[in-house]
Structure formats: C-alpha cells, structure tokens
N, C-alpha and C. Protein backbone atom coordinates (compact mmCIF):
# COMPACT_ATOMS: atom_id res chain seq x y z
N MET A 1 107.51 117.65 76.19
CA MET A 1 106.94 116.90 77.29
C MET A 1 105.54 117.44 77.61
N VAL A 2 104.62 116.56 77.89
CA VAL A 2 103.27 116.94 78.25
C VAL A 2 103.29 117.58 79.62
N GLU A 3 102.64 118.74 79.73
CA GLU A 3 102.56 119.44 81.01
C GLU A 3 101.58 118.73 81.92
N SER A 4 102.05 118.23 83.04
CA SER A 4 101.17 117.59 84.01
C SER A 4 101.87 117.54 85.36
N GLN A 5 101.08 117.29 86.37
CA GLN A 5 101.63 117.18 87.71
C GLN A 5 102.24 115.79 87.86
N ILE A 6 103.46 115.74 88.36
CA ILE A 6 104.16 114.47 88.56
C ILE A 6 103.73 113.87 89.90
N ILE A 7 103.36 112.58 89.88
CA ILE A 7 103.03 111.86 91.11
C ILE A 7 103.92 110.64 91.20
N ASP A 8 104.05 110.10 92.39
CA ASP A 8 104.85 108.88 92.51
C ASP A 8 103.94 107.66 92.38
N TYR A 9 104.56 106.49 92.27
CA TYR A 9 103.81 105.27 92.03
C TYR A 9 102.82 104.99 93.15
N ALA A 10 103.18 105.28 94.39
CA ALA A 10 102.28 105.02 95.52
C ALA A 10 100.96 105.78 95.36
N GLU A 11 101.03 107.00 94.85
CA GLU A 11 99.80 107.77 94.61
C GLU A 11 98.98 107.15 93.48
N PHE A 12 99.66 106.79 92.39
CA PHE A 12 98.98 106.18 91.25
C PHE A 12 98.32 104.86 91.65
N ALA A 13 98.99 104.08 92.50
CA ALA A 13 98.49 102.77 92.91
C ALA A 13 97.17 102.87 93.69
N LYS A 14 96.84 104.04 94.18
CA LYS A 14 95.58 104.23 94.91
C LYS A 14 94.37 104.20 93.97
N VAL A 15 94.60 104.45 92.69
CA VAL A 15 93.50 104.48 91.72
C VAL A 15 93.18 103.05 91.31
N ASP A 16 91.93 102.64 91.51
CA ASP A 16 91.49 101.28 91.18
C ASP A 16 90.77 101.32 89.84
N LEU A 17 91.48 100.90 88.79
CA LEU A 17 90.91 100.87 87.44
C LEU A 17 90.44 99.46 87.15
N ARG A 18 89.18 99.34 86.71
CA ARG A 18 88.58 98.03 86.43
C ARG A 18 87.90 98.06 85.07
N VAL A 19 87.79 96.88 84.46
CA VAL A 19 87.03 96.73 83.23
C VAL A 19 85.58 96.46 83.61
N GLY A 20 84.68 97.20 82.99
CA GLY A 20 83.26 96.99 83.22
C GLY A 20 82.53 96.87 81.90
N VAL A 21 81.35 96.25 81.95
CA VAL A 21 80.51 96.12 80.76
C VAL A 21 79.25 96.94 80.97
N VAL A 22 78.94 97.80 80.02
CA VAL A 22 77.74 98.63 80.11
C VAL A 22 76.52 97.75 79.85
N GLU A 23 75.66 97.64 80.86
CA GLU A 23 74.44 96.84 80.73
C GLU A 23 73.23 97.69 80.37
N GLU A 24 73.19 98.91 80.88
CA GLU A 24 72.09 99.83 80.58
C GLU A 24 72.66 101.21 80.32
N ALA A 25 71.99 101.96 79.46
CA ALA A 25 72.39 103.34 79.20
C ALA A 25 71.15 104.13 78.80
N GLU A 26 71.01 105.33 79.39
CA GLU A 26 69.87 106.18 79.05
C GLU A 26 70.24 107.63 79.30
N ARG A 27 69.66 108.50 78.51
CA ARG A 27 69.86 109.94 78.72
C ARG A 27 69.17 110.35 80.00
N ILE A 28 69.74 111.31 80.67
CA ILE A 28 69.12 111.86 81.87
C ILE A 28 68.17 112.97 81.44
N PRO A 29 66.88 112.83 81.78
CA PRO A 29 65.90 113.85 81.39
C PRO A 29 66.31 115.24 81.87
N GLY A 30 66.19 116.21 80.99
CA GLY A 30 66.50 117.59 81.35
C GLY A 30 67.97 117.96 81.17
N SER A 31 68.80 117.01 80.75
CA SER A 31 70.21 117.28 80.54
C SER A 31 70.56 117.03 79.08
N ARG A 32 71.36 117.91 78.49
CA ARG A 32 71.79 117.68 77.11
C ARG A 32 73.12 116.94 77.07
N LYS A 33 73.80 116.80 78.22
CA LYS A 33 75.13 116.20 78.25
C LYS A 33 75.20 114.84 78.94
N LEU A 34 74.31 114.56 79.88
CA LEU A 34 74.51 113.42 80.76
C LEU A 34 73.77 112.14 80.33
N ILE A 35 74.49 111.03 80.49
CA ILE A 35 73.95 109.69 80.27
C ILE A 35 74.14 108.90 81.56
N ARG A 36 73.10 108.15 81.94
CA ARG A 36 73.19 107.25 83.11
C ARG A 36 73.55 105.86 82.59
N LEU A 37 74.63 105.31 83.13
CA LEU A 37 75.09 103.98 82.73
C LEU A 37 75.00 103.04 83.91
N LEU A 38 74.57 101.81 83.68
CA LEU A 38 74.67 100.76 84.69
C LEU A 38 75.78 99.84 84.19
N ILE A 39 76.85 99.74 84.98
CA ILE A 39 78.04 99.03 84.55
C ILE A 39 78.27 97.82 85.44
N ASN A 40 78.43 96.66 84.81
CA ASN A 40 78.73 95.42 85.52
C ASN A 40 80.23 95.35 85.76
N LEU A 41 80.61 95.32 87.04
CA LEU A 41 82.02 95.21 87.42
C LEU A 41 82.33 93.83 88.00
N GLY A 42 81.54 92.85 87.65
CA GLY A 42 81.78 91.50 88.13
C GLY A 42 81.15 91.26 89.49
N SER A 43 81.79 91.77 90.54
CA SER A 43 81.29 91.55 91.90
C SER A 43 80.11 92.46 92.24
N ASP A 44 79.94 93.54 91.50
CA ASP A 44 78.81 94.44 91.73
C ASP A 44 78.51 95.22 90.46
N LYS A 45 77.42 95.98 90.52
CA LYS A 45 77.03 96.85 89.42
C LYS A 45 77.04 98.28 89.93
N ARG A 46 77.49 99.18 89.09
CA ARG A 46 77.61 100.58 89.47
C ARG A 46 76.84 101.47 88.51
N GLN A 47 76.23 102.50 89.09
CA GLN A 47 75.62 103.55 88.28
C GLN A 47 76.68 104.62 88.08
N VAL A 48 76.95 104.95 86.84
CA VAL A 48 77.93 105.98 86.52
C VAL A 48 77.24 107.01 85.63
N ILE A 49 77.41 108.28 85.98
CA ILE A 49 76.85 109.36 85.18
C ILE A 49 78.00 109.94 84.36
N ALA A 50 77.82 109.98 83.05
CA ALA A 50 78.88 110.43 82.15
C ALA A 50 78.38 111.54 81.25
N GLY A 51 79.22 112.54 81.03
CA GLY A 51 78.88 113.67 80.17
C GLY A 51 79.20 113.40 78.72
N LEU A 52 78.59 112.38 78.16
CA LEU A 52 78.92 111.92 76.81
C LEU A 52 77.77 112.03 75.81
N ALA A 53 76.62 112.54 76.24
CA ALA A 53 75.42 112.51 75.39
C ALA A 53 75.56 113.34 74.11
N GLU A 54 76.49 114.28 74.08
CA GLU A 54 76.68 115.07 72.86
C GLU A 54 77.37 114.25 71.77
N TRP A 55 78.05 113.16 72.15
CA TRP A 55 78.85 112.38 71.21
C TRP A 55 78.40 110.93 71.07
N TYR A 56 77.70 110.40 72.07
CA TYR A 56 77.31 108.99 72.05
C TYR A 56 75.81 108.84 72.27
N LYS A 57 75.20 107.92 71.54
CA LYS A 57 73.81 107.55 71.77
C LYS A 57 73.82 106.45 72.83
N PRO A 58 72.90 106.48 73.77
CA PRO A 58 72.87 105.45 74.82
C PRO A 58 72.89 104.03 74.26
N GLU A 59 72.11 103.79 73.19
CA GLU A 59 72.04 102.43 72.64
C GLU A 59 73.39 101.97 72.07
N ASP A 60 74.26 102.89 71.69
CA ASP A 60 75.57 102.53 71.17
C ASP A 60 76.56 102.14 72.28
N LEU A 61 76.21 102.45 73.52
CA LEU A 61 77.10 102.15 74.65
C LEU A 61 76.82 100.78 75.26
N LYS A 62 75.61 100.27 75.07
CA LYS A 62 75.25 98.98 75.66
C LYS A 62 76.16 97.88 75.13
N GLY A 63 76.68 97.07 76.06
CA GLY A 63 77.57 95.97 75.69
C GLY A 63 79.02 96.36 75.53
N LYS A 64 79.32 97.66 75.60
CA LYS A 64 80.69 98.13 75.43
C LYS A 64 81.51 97.84 76.69
N TYR A 65 82.73 97.36 76.50
CA TYR A 65 83.68 97.16 77.60
C TYR A 65 84.38 98.48 77.83
N VAL A 66 84.32 99.00 79.05
CA VAL A 66 84.88 100.31 79.37
C VAL A 66 85.84 100.19 80.56
N ILE A 67 86.67 101.20 80.71
CA ILE A 67 87.58 101.28 81.85
C ILE A 67 86.94 102.22 82.87
N VAL A 68 86.82 101.73 84.11
CA VAL A 68 86.13 102.46 85.17
C VAL A 68 87.09 102.77 86.32
N VAL A 69 87.04 104.02 86.81
CA VAL A 69 87.70 104.34 88.07
C VAL A 69 86.72 103.88 89.14
N ALA A 70 87.05 102.74 89.77
CA ALA A 70 86.10 102.08 90.66
C ALA A 70 86.10 102.62 92.09
N ASN A 71 87.15 103.32 92.48
CA ASN A 71 87.21 103.80 93.87
C ASN A 71 87.10 105.32 93.98
N LEU A 72 86.44 105.93 93.02
CA LEU A 72 86.20 107.37 93.07
C LEU A 72 85.04 107.65 94.03
N LYS A 73 85.19 108.67 94.82
CA LYS A 73 84.13 109.05 95.77
C LYS A 73 82.84 109.35 94.99
N PRO A 74 81.70 108.77 95.43
CA PRO A 74 80.42 109.04 94.74
C PRO A 74 80.09 110.53 94.72
N LYS A 75 79.39 110.94 93.65
CA LYS A 75 79.01 112.34 93.49
C LYS A 75 77.61 112.40 92.90
N LYS A 76 76.79 113.32 93.40
CA LYS A 76 75.43 113.53 92.88
C LYS A 76 75.48 114.53 91.73
N MET A 77 74.76 114.16 90.65
CA MET A 77 74.62 115.05 89.50
C MET A 77 73.17 114.98 89.03
N MET A 78 72.50 116.11 89.02
CA MET A 78 71.10 116.21 88.59
C MET A 78 70.22 115.16 89.28
N GLY A 79 70.48 114.92 90.57
CA GLY A 79 69.67 113.99 91.35
C GLY A 79 70.08 112.54 91.25
N TYR A 80 71.11 112.23 90.48
CA TYR A 80 71.59 110.86 90.32
C TYR A 80 72.97 110.73 90.96
N GLU A 81 73.21 109.61 91.62
CA GLU A 81 74.54 109.39 92.22
C GLU A 81 75.42 108.65 91.22
N SER A 82 76.60 109.22 90.96
CA SER A 82 77.58 108.57 90.11
C SER A 82 78.57 107.85 91.02
N GLN A 83 78.76 106.56 90.76
CA GLN A 83 79.58 105.70 91.61
C GLN A 83 80.86 105.28 90.91
N GLY A 84 81.46 106.19 90.18
CA GLY A 84 82.69 105.92 89.46
C GLY A 84 82.79 106.84 88.26
N MET A 85 83.75 106.55 87.39
CA MET A 85 83.96 107.36 86.20
C MET A 85 84.49 106.44 85.11
N ILE A 86 83.98 106.61 83.88
CA ILE A 86 84.58 105.87 82.79
C ILE A 86 85.63 106.77 82.14
N LEU A 87 86.68 106.16 81.61
CA LEU A 87 87.78 106.92 81.03
C LEU A 87 87.58 107.11 79.54
N ALA A 88 88.01 108.29 79.07
CA ALA A 88 87.95 108.62 77.65
C ALA A 88 89.19 109.44 77.31
N ALA A 89 89.56 109.43 76.05
CA ALA A 89 90.66 110.26 75.55
C ALA A 89 90.05 111.38 74.71
N GLY A 90 90.78 112.48 74.58
CA GLY A 90 90.31 113.59 73.77
C GLY A 90 89.26 114.42 74.47
N CYS A 91 89.49 114.75 75.72
CA CYS A 91 88.49 115.47 76.51
C CYS A 91 88.78 116.96 76.63
N GLY A 92 89.69 117.48 75.81
CA GLY A 92 90.02 118.90 75.86
C GLY A 92 89.00 119.74 75.11
N GLU A 93 89.14 121.02 75.24
CA GLU A 93 88.25 121.97 74.58
C GLU A 93 88.22 121.73 73.07
N GLY A 94 87.04 121.54 72.51
CA GLY A 94 86.88 121.34 71.08
C GLY A 94 87.19 119.93 70.59
N GLU A 95 87.54 119.03 71.48
CA GLU A 95 87.85 117.66 71.09
C GLU A 95 86.63 116.76 71.26
N THR A 96 86.61 115.66 70.55
CA THR A 96 85.55 114.67 70.69
C THR A 96 86.06 113.52 71.53
N PRO A 97 85.46 113.26 72.70
CA PRO A 97 85.95 112.18 73.55
C PRO A 97 85.74 110.81 72.92
N VAL A 98 86.72 109.95 73.12
CA VAL A 98 86.67 108.57 72.66
C VAL A 98 86.81 107.69 73.89
N ILE A 99 85.81 106.87 74.15
CA ILE A 99 85.81 106.02 75.34
C ILE A 99 86.93 105.00 75.23
N LEU A 100 87.69 104.85 76.33
CA LEU A 100 88.74 103.85 76.38
C LEU A 100 88.12 102.49 76.64
N THR A 101 88.57 101.51 75.91
CA THR A 101 88.04 100.16 76.00
C THR A 101 89.18 99.16 75.95
N VAL A 102 88.86 97.89 75.89
CA VAL A 102 89.89 96.85 75.85
C VAL A 102 89.95 96.24 74.45
N GLU A 103 91.08 95.65 74.12
CA GLU A 103 91.27 95.07 72.79
C GLU A 103 90.33 93.90 72.52
N LYS A 104 90.10 93.08 73.56
CA LYS A 104 89.17 91.96 73.45
C LYS A 104 88.49 91.78 74.79
N PRO A 105 87.34 91.12 74.81
CA PRO A 105 86.60 90.97 76.07
C PRO A 105 87.42 90.26 77.16
N VAL A 106 87.28 90.77 78.37
CA VAL A 106 87.86 90.16 79.56
C VAL A 106 86.74 90.11 80.60
N PRO A 107 86.90 89.31 81.64
CA PRO A 107 85.84 89.23 82.65
C PRO A 107 85.57 90.60 83.30
N PRO A 108 84.29 90.96 83.46
CA PRO A 108 83.97 92.22 84.16
C PRO A 108 84.64 92.22 85.54
N GLY A 109 85.18 93.36 85.90
CA GLY A 109 85.86 93.50 87.18
C GLY A 109 87.36 93.28 87.09
N SER A 110 87.85 92.87 85.91
CA SER A 110 89.29 92.66 85.76
C SER A 110 90.04 93.94 86.09
N LYS A 111 91.10 93.82 86.86
CA LYS A 111 91.91 94.98 87.25
C LYS A 111 92.77 95.41 86.07
N VAL A 112 92.83 96.71 85.86
CA VAL A 112 93.70 97.28 84.82
C VAL A 112 95.05 97.53 85.48
N CYS A 113 96.10 97.00 84.86
CA CYS A 113 97.44 97.15 85.46
C CYS A 113 98.44 97.66 84.44
C-alpha cells in the first residue's frame, strides 16, 4: 500500500480540479526552475508558476491541456503570483515530472471528477 495520509471524501471534494489550456509560457528571468504559464480556464485566465523549466521548454507547453488546482491559495514566487497549480506525476527525488493532461480536448474550465 502506498504510504499517505487518509482523508475522507468531504476533504477531497474541497479541491477544485479543472482542465485548462496553456496560452502563454515563458521562463522566469533569474530562475533555473520556474516557468510562468497563462492558463485559460474558460471563465477566466490564471497565471500559474511551475517548477518545470528543468524538464520542459516553454514553447512545448503552449496549447497543452493541463489539470489545474483552481482553488489553491495564491502564492508569490520570485515576484510573480501563482494562482493555482498544474498537476504532474513523478515528482519524487530523481524523477522526471510528467504533466497530467486529458485524453482528448475538452472545453477549458471543465471540472475534473
């Protein structure tokens, strides 16, 4: 069994996962890890700062459908406000993260259930 903290469904239901489309992506000057993404979530656009620059080129992220934690409290990183988080697998020590995406395009803002 995978070691993790057990939560009940009510706690999990608080997390708002949405499909977003990356419209812009650029490296953050002075950082070797951070990329600034502008993600279309349908009803709005969010700036998300992601530590993926070691594995992804910004131009390879444009147009990608990603899974976003839409109700995460904003956080400042290197002077930029991150308004969510994109999900990836393989984020452990020595692993290469792989961005989670959808099998086929769906409307931006679609709820992940």
